[in-house]
Protein backbone atom coordinates (compact mmCIF):
# COMPACT_ATOMS: atom_id res chain seq x y z
CA UNK A 1 85.53 92.86 107.84
CA UNK A 2 88.56 94.20 105.99
CA UNK A 3 89.61 93.01 102.54
CA UNK A 4 92.66 94.02 100.56
CA UNK A 5 94.20 93.18 97.19
CA UNK A 6 97.15 94.45 95.18
CA UNK A 7 96.73 95.24 91.50
CA UNK A 8 98.82 96.76 88.73
CA UNK A 9 97.61 99.37 86.26
CA UNK A 10 97.83 97.57 82.91
CA UNK A 11 96.11 99.87 80.43
CA UNK A 12 98.35 102.12 78.36
CA UNK A 13 96.83 105.43 79.46
CA UNK A 14 96.78 104.65 83.19
CA UNK A 15 94.16 105.81 85.67
CA UNK A 16 92.89 108.81 83.68
CA UNK A 17 89.46 110.49 83.87
CA UNK A 18 87.27 107.75 82.39
CA UNK A 19 88.75 104.86 84.42
CA UNK A 20 88.67 106.99 87.57
CA UNK A 21 84.96 107.59 87.03
CA UNK A 22 84.40 103.86 86.44
CA UNK A 23 86.23 102.94 89.65
CA UNK A 24 84.35 105.57 91.67
CA UNK A 25 81.03 104.41 90.25
CA UNK A 26 81.77 100.76 90.98
CA UNK A 27 83.05 101.48 94.50
CA UNK A 28 79.92 103.56 95.22
CA UNK A 29 77.76 100.48 94.63
CA UNK A 30 78.99 99.05 97.94
CA UNK A 31 78.25 99.97 101.53
CA UNK A 32 81.84 99.43 102.63
CA UNK A 33 84.37 102.20 102.71
CA UNK A 34 86.75 101.62 99.81
CA UNK A 35 90.21 103.14 99.48
CA UNK A 36 92.97 102.95 96.89
CA UNK A 37 96.53 103.20 98.19
CA UNK A 38 99.70 104.14 96.32
CA UNK A 39 103.08 104.72 97.96
CA UNK A 40 101.50 105.23 101.39
CA UNK A 41 98.86 107.67 100.12
CA UNK A 42 95.26 106.51 100.57
CA UNK A 43 92.35 108.08 98.69
CA UNK A 44 88.61 107.51 98.70
CA UNK A 45 87.82 105.12 95.84
CA UNK A 46 84.30 106.59 95.64
CA UNK A 47 85.73 109.93 94.45
CA UNK A 48 87.04 110.15 90.89
CA UNK A 49 88.83 113.41 91.72
CA UNK A 50 90.65 111.75 94.62
CA UNK A 51 91.64 108.84 92.38
CA UNK A 52 93.13 111.20 89.81
CA UNK A 53 95.49 112.63 92.45
CA UNK A 54 97.28 109.27 92.54
CA UNK A 55 98.73 109.91 89.05
CA UNK A 56 98.74 106.15 88.46
CA UNK A 57 100.38 105.41 85.12
CA UNK A 58 100.81 102.05 83.42
CA UNK A 59 102.81 99.71 85.68
CA UNK A 60 101.78 101.43 88.91
CA UNK A 61 101.09 99.04 91.82
CA UNK A 62 97.98 99.91 93.85
CA UNK A 63 96.33 98.39 96.87
CA UNK A 64 92.54 98.23 97.01
CA UNK A 65 91.28 98.14 100.60
CA UNK A 66 87.71 97.97 101.81
CA UNK A 67 86.14 97.80 105.24
CA UNK A 68 82.56 96.82 105.90
CA UNK A 69 79.98 94.11 105.41
CA UNK A 70 80.57 93.75 101.65
CA UNK A 71 84.32 94.48 101.67
CA UNK A 72 85.38 91.36 99.79
CA UNK A 73 82.89 91.97 96.99
CA UNK A 74 83.91 95.63 96.75
CA UNK A 75 87.61 94.80 96.47
CA UNK A 76 86.91 92.09 93.88
CA UNK A 77 84.76 94.43 91.76
CA UNK A 78 87.24 97.33 91.77
CA UNK A 79 90.22 95.03 91.19
CA UNK A 80 88.34 93.40 88.30
CA UNK A 81 87.94 96.76 86.57
CA UNK A 82 91.63 97.52 86.91
CA UNK A 83 92.80 94.06 85.87
CA UNK A 84 90.41 94.20 82.90
CA UNK A 85 92.13 97.41 81.72
CA UNK A 86 88.84 99.28 82.23
CA UNK A 87 87.56 97.72 79.02
CA UNK A 88 89.90 99.96 76.99
CA UNK A 89 92.11 97.39 75.29
């Protein structure tokens, strides 16, 4: 199964170190492979270092894509973190 959802970075500081670690930690809770895509570049959502390479600032549109048995739950969990501004605001 493949699941996908588009989200927008809403928090003022963007996808910096702390949010990247939160996303990687959340994505790692799932068996599915989880990727974050920006402008055609796909990175492993289970790697905070990879996520930082996206340089996603406030307003950036991202696509969360997962493939595997729990893909829908993985996409919903990661998207929820992003849409909730990583609990920062």
